[in-house]
Every structure is written in structure tokens, then in C-alpha cells.
C-alpha atoms as a PDB file:
ATOM      1  CA  UNK A   1     -11.567  -1.373  11.895  1.00  0.00           C
ATOM      2  CA  UNK A   2      -9.151  -3.584   9.653  1.00  0.00           C
ATOM      3  CA  UNK A   3      -5.705  -2.034   9.414  1.00  0.00           C
ATOM      4  CA  UNK A   4      -3.770  -2.971   6.262  1.00  0.00           C
ATOM      5  CA  UNK A   5      -0.136  -2.295   6.209  1.00  0.00           C
ATOM      6  CA  UNK A   6       1.815  -3.165   3.226  1.00  0.00           C
ATOM      7  CA  UNK A   7       5.967  -2.542   2.602  1.00  0.00           C
ATOM      8  CA  UNK A   8       7.739  -2.477  -0.331  1.00  0.00           C
ATOM      9  CA  UNK A   9      11.621  -2.873  -1.063  1.00  0.00           C
ATOM     10  CA  UNK A  10      12.050  -1.175  -4.731  1.00  0.00           C
ATOM     11  CA  UNK A  11      14.534  -1.892  -7.316  1.00  0.00           C
ATOM     12  CA  UNK A  12      17.320   0.675  -7.606  1.00  0.00           C
ATOM     13  CA  UNK A  13      15.929   1.635 -11.231  1.00  0.00           C
ATOM     14  CA  UNK A  14      12.812  -0.242 -12.845  1.00  0.00           C
ATOM     15  CA  UNK A  15      10.422   0.798 -15.826  1.00  0.00           C
ATOM     16  CA  UNK A  16      12.756   3.957 -16.601  1.00  0.00           C
ATOM     17  CA  UNK A  17      12.594   5.503 -13.215  1.00  0.00           C
ATOM     18  CA  UNK A  18      14.891   5.632 -10.367  1.00  0.00           C
ATOM     19  CA  UNK A  19      13.973   3.933  -6.956  1.00  0.00           C
ATOM     20  CA  UNK A  20      12.986   7.596  -5.673  1.00  0.00           C
ATOM     21  CA  UNK A  21      10.767   8.252  -8.318  1.00  0.00           C
ATOM     22  CA  UNK A  22       9.076   5.007  -8.448  1.00  0.00           C
ATOM     23  CA  UNK A  23       8.379   5.499  -4.602  1.00  0.00           C
ATOM     24  CA  UNK A  24       7.016   9.044  -5.301  1.00  0.00           C
ATOM     25  CA  UNK A  25       4.932   7.344  -8.293  1.00  0.00           C
ATOM     26  CA  UNK A  26       3.618   4.899  -5.769  1.00  0.00           C
ATOM     27  CA  UNK A  27       2.661   7.347  -3.136  1.00  0.00           C
ATOM     28  CA  UNK A  28       0.788   9.361  -5.715  1.00  0.00           C
ATOM     29  CA  UNK A  29      -1.143   6.490  -7.680  1.00  0.00           C
ATOM     30  CA  UNK A  30      -2.090   4.829  -4.137  1.00  0.00           C
ATOM     31  CA  UNK A  31      -3.381   7.994  -2.354  1.00  0.00           C
ATOM     32  CA  UNK A  32      -5.262   8.857  -5.557  1.00  0.00           C
ATOM     33  CA  UNK A  33      -7.390   5.763  -5.112  1.00  0.00           C
ATOM     34  CA  UNK A  34      -9.186   7.494  -2.082  1.00  0.00           C
ATOM     35  CA  UNK A  35     -12.769   8.753  -3.276  1.00  0.00           C
ATOM     36  CA  UNK A  36     -12.418   6.411  -6.050  1.00  0.00           C
ATOM     37  CA  UNK A  37     -12.669   3.093  -4.081  1.00  0.00           C
ATOM     38  CA  UNK A  38     -15.187   4.005  -1.478  1.00  0.00           C
ATOM     39  CA  UNK A  39     -14.384   1.156   0.876  1.00  0.00           C
ATOM     40  CA  UNK A  40     -11.004   2.924   1.714  1.00  0.00           C
ATOM     41  CA  UNK A  41     -11.773   4.451   5.289  1.00  0.00           C
ATOM     42  CA  UNK A  42      -7.943   5.968   5.282  1.00  0.00           C
ATOM     43  CA  UNK A  43      -5.030   5.540   3.292  1.00  0.00           C
ATOM     44  CA  UNK A  44      -1.444   6.984   3.555  1.00  0.00           C
ATOM     45  CA  UNK A  45       1.813   6.254   1.882  1.00  0.00           C
ATOM     46  CA  UNK A  46       5.236   7.035   3.550  1.00  0.00           C
ATOM     47  CA  UNK A  47       8.662   7.242   1.802  1.00  0.00           C
ATOM     48  CA  UNK A  48      11.477   5.774   3.740  1.00  0.00           C
ATOM     49  CA  UNK A  49      14.129   8.079   4.942  1.00  0.00           C
ATOM     50  CA  UNK A  50      15.883   5.337   6.945  1.00  0.00           C
ATOM     51  CA  UNK A  51      19.450   4.248   5.580  1.00  0.00           C
ATOM     52  CA  UNK A  52      19.478   1.035   7.206  1.00  0.00           C
ATOM     53  CA  UNK A  53      19.866  -2.230   5.018  1.00  0.00           C
ATOM     54  CA  UNK A  54      16.750  -3.254   7.088  1.00  0.00           C
ATOM     55  CA  UNK A  55      14.467  -0.620   6.051  1.00  0.00           C
ATOM     56  CA  UNK A  56      11.908  -0.808   3.403  1.00  0.00           C
ATOM     57  CA  UNK A  57      11.566   1.992   0.782  1.00  0.00           C
ATOM     58  CA  UNK A  58       7.912   2.531   0.706  1.00  0.00           C
ATOM     59  CA  UNK A  59       4.656   1.795   3.244  1.00  0.00           C
ATOM     60  CA  UNK A  60       1.182   1.978   2.755  1.00  0.00           C
ATOM     61  CA  UNK A  61      -1.075   2.496   5.937  1.00  0.00           C
ATOM     62  CA  UNK A  62      -4.627   1.961   5.100  1.00  0.00           C
ATOM     63  CA  UNK A  63      -7.824   1.337   6.833  1.00  0.00           C
ATOM     64  CA  UNK A  64     -10.835  -0.742   6.002  1.00  0.00           C
ATOM     65  CA  UNK A  65     -14.284  -1.774   7.841  1.00  0.00           C
ATOM     66  CA  UNK A  66     -13.731  -5.365   7.359  1.00  0.00           C
ATOM     67  CA  UNK A  67     -11.867  -8.063   5.265  1.00  0.00           C
ATOM     68  CA  UNK A  68     -14.784  -8.157   2.596  1.00  0.00           C
ATOM     69  CA  UNK A  69     -13.961  -4.283   2.076  1.00  0.00           C
ATOM     70  CA  UNK A  70      -9.987  -4.910   1.936  1.00  0.00           C
ATOM     71  CA  UNK A  71     -10.811  -7.614  -0.595  1.00  0.00           C
ATOM     72  CA  UNK A  72     -13.222  -5.262  -2.886  1.00  0.00           C
ATOM     73  CA  UNK A  73     -10.614  -2.720  -2.564  1.00  0.00           C
ATOM     74  CA  UNK A  74      -7.756  -5.218  -3.627  1.00  0.00           C
ATOM     75  CA  UNK A  75      -9.865  -6.368  -6.669  1.00  0.00           C
ATOM     76  CA  UNK A  76     -10.913  -3.141  -7.845  1.00  0.00           C
ATOM     77  CA  UNK A  77      -9.770  -2.234 -11.265  1.00  0.00           C
ATOM     78  CA  UNK A  78      -8.253   0.769 -10.348  1.00  0.00           C
ATOM     79  CA  UNK A  79      -6.151  -0.661  -7.482  1.00  0.00           C
ATOM     80  CA  UNK A  80      -5.246  -3.502  -9.672  1.00  0.00           C
ATOM     81  CA  UNK A  81      -3.673  -1.194 -12.381  1.00  0.00           C
ATOM     82  CA  UNK A  82      -1.671   0.228  -9.750  1.00  0.00           C
ATOM     83  CA  UNK A  83      -0.453  -2.922  -8.314  1.00  0.00           C
ATOM     84  CA  UNK A  84       0.307  -4.381 -11.323  1.00  0.00           C
ATOM     85  CA  UNK A  85       3.003  -1.646 -11.762  1.00  0.00           C
ATOM     86  CA  UNK A  86       4.295  -2.040  -8.192  1.00  0.00           C
ATOM     87  CA  UNK A  87       4.894  -5.530  -8.799  1.00  0.00           C
ATOM     88  CA  UNK A  88       7.149  -4.647 -11.800  1.00  0.00           C
ATOM     89  CA  UNK A  89       9.356  -2.258  -9.619  1.00  0.00           C
ATOM     90  CA  UNK A  90       9.631  -3.985  -6.212  1.00  0.00           C
ATOM     91  CA  UNK A  91      12.208  -6.687  -4.928  1.00  0.00           C
ATOM     92  CA  UNK A  92      10.069  -7.885  -2.303  1.00  0.00           C
ATOM     93  CA  UNK A  93       6.865  -7.181  -0.266  1.00  0.00           C
ATOM     94  CA  UNK A  94       5.319  -7.516   2.868  1.00  0.00           C
ATOM     95  CA  UNK A  95       1.830  -7.390   4.397  1.00  0.00           C
ATOM     96  CA  UNK A  96      -0.054  -7.498   7.778  1.00  0.00           C
ATOM     97  CA  UNK A  97      -3.712  -6.856   8.576  1.00  0.00           C
ATOM     98  CA  UNK A  98      -5.303  -6.673  11.793  1.00  0.00           C
ATOM     99  CA  UNK A  99      -8.117  -5.494  13.648  1.00  0.00           C
ATOM    100  CA  UNK A 100      -7.734  -2.506  15.705  1.00  0.00           C
ATOM    101  CA  UNK A 101      -9.041  -2.909  19.391  1.00  0.00           C
ATOM    102  CA  UNK A 102     -12.311  -1.192  18.857  1.00  0.00           C
ATOM    103  CA  UNK A 103     -13.522  -3.488  16.779  1.00  0.00           C
ATOM    104  CA  UNK A 104     -11.712  -6.875  17.039  1.00  0.00           C
ATOM    105  CA  UNK A 105     -14.071  -8.511  19.803  1.00  0.00           C
ATOM    106  CA  UNK A 106     -16.982  -7.493  17.772  1.00  0.00           C
ATOM    107  CA  UNK A 107     -16.669  -8.975  14.433  1.00  0.00           C
END
């Protein structure tokens, strides 16, 4: 399985919403993609509670069968809609994709 992790630092205020409101919007809309995009094996969004300057505001942890399924998810029209909004409200974004132990040798 392929893990796809994304973290965002959000603007204090963007698109008419506070950082907290936008983080909640992201959580609701990203998690709503489960069942809409069949390639998603699991998906969860967490909203940060750590007050450190080094902390990011929101994190996505998702699982896909492989890189092709991740690509299908990323280009799916419903994901593109959510991603377009997320791009408007973020300061920065980091991402990591990796295979879990049980499948990394069998790719």
C-alpha cells in the first residue's frame, strides 16, 4: 500500500474564513471524497492542536494501492475542486509518499 501524507500551513484569514474555519472546511471536504473516488483505501484529515511555530495546521493521511491509484485520485474532478480551494488558503504545503513494508518489496 502507498501512504500519501500532505501537511498545510494556512493563512490566518482567506476566502472569507478564519484559519480554523478553513481547516474544518478542508477536513469535511477531503473526507467526503471517500466513497466518491474508489481508489481511496483510507483517508483522514487531522487539525493541529500543537501551538509550535514549526507545526503545520492540517494534515492528510491517505492510503492507495499504488502510484497509479494516487494519480487517479489527484486528477479526479472532485479532488481537483477541493485542491483548488486548498491552494487559495495555504501558505505552504509539504508532501510525502511511501510504500508500507508489506508491499514495498513486491512492487
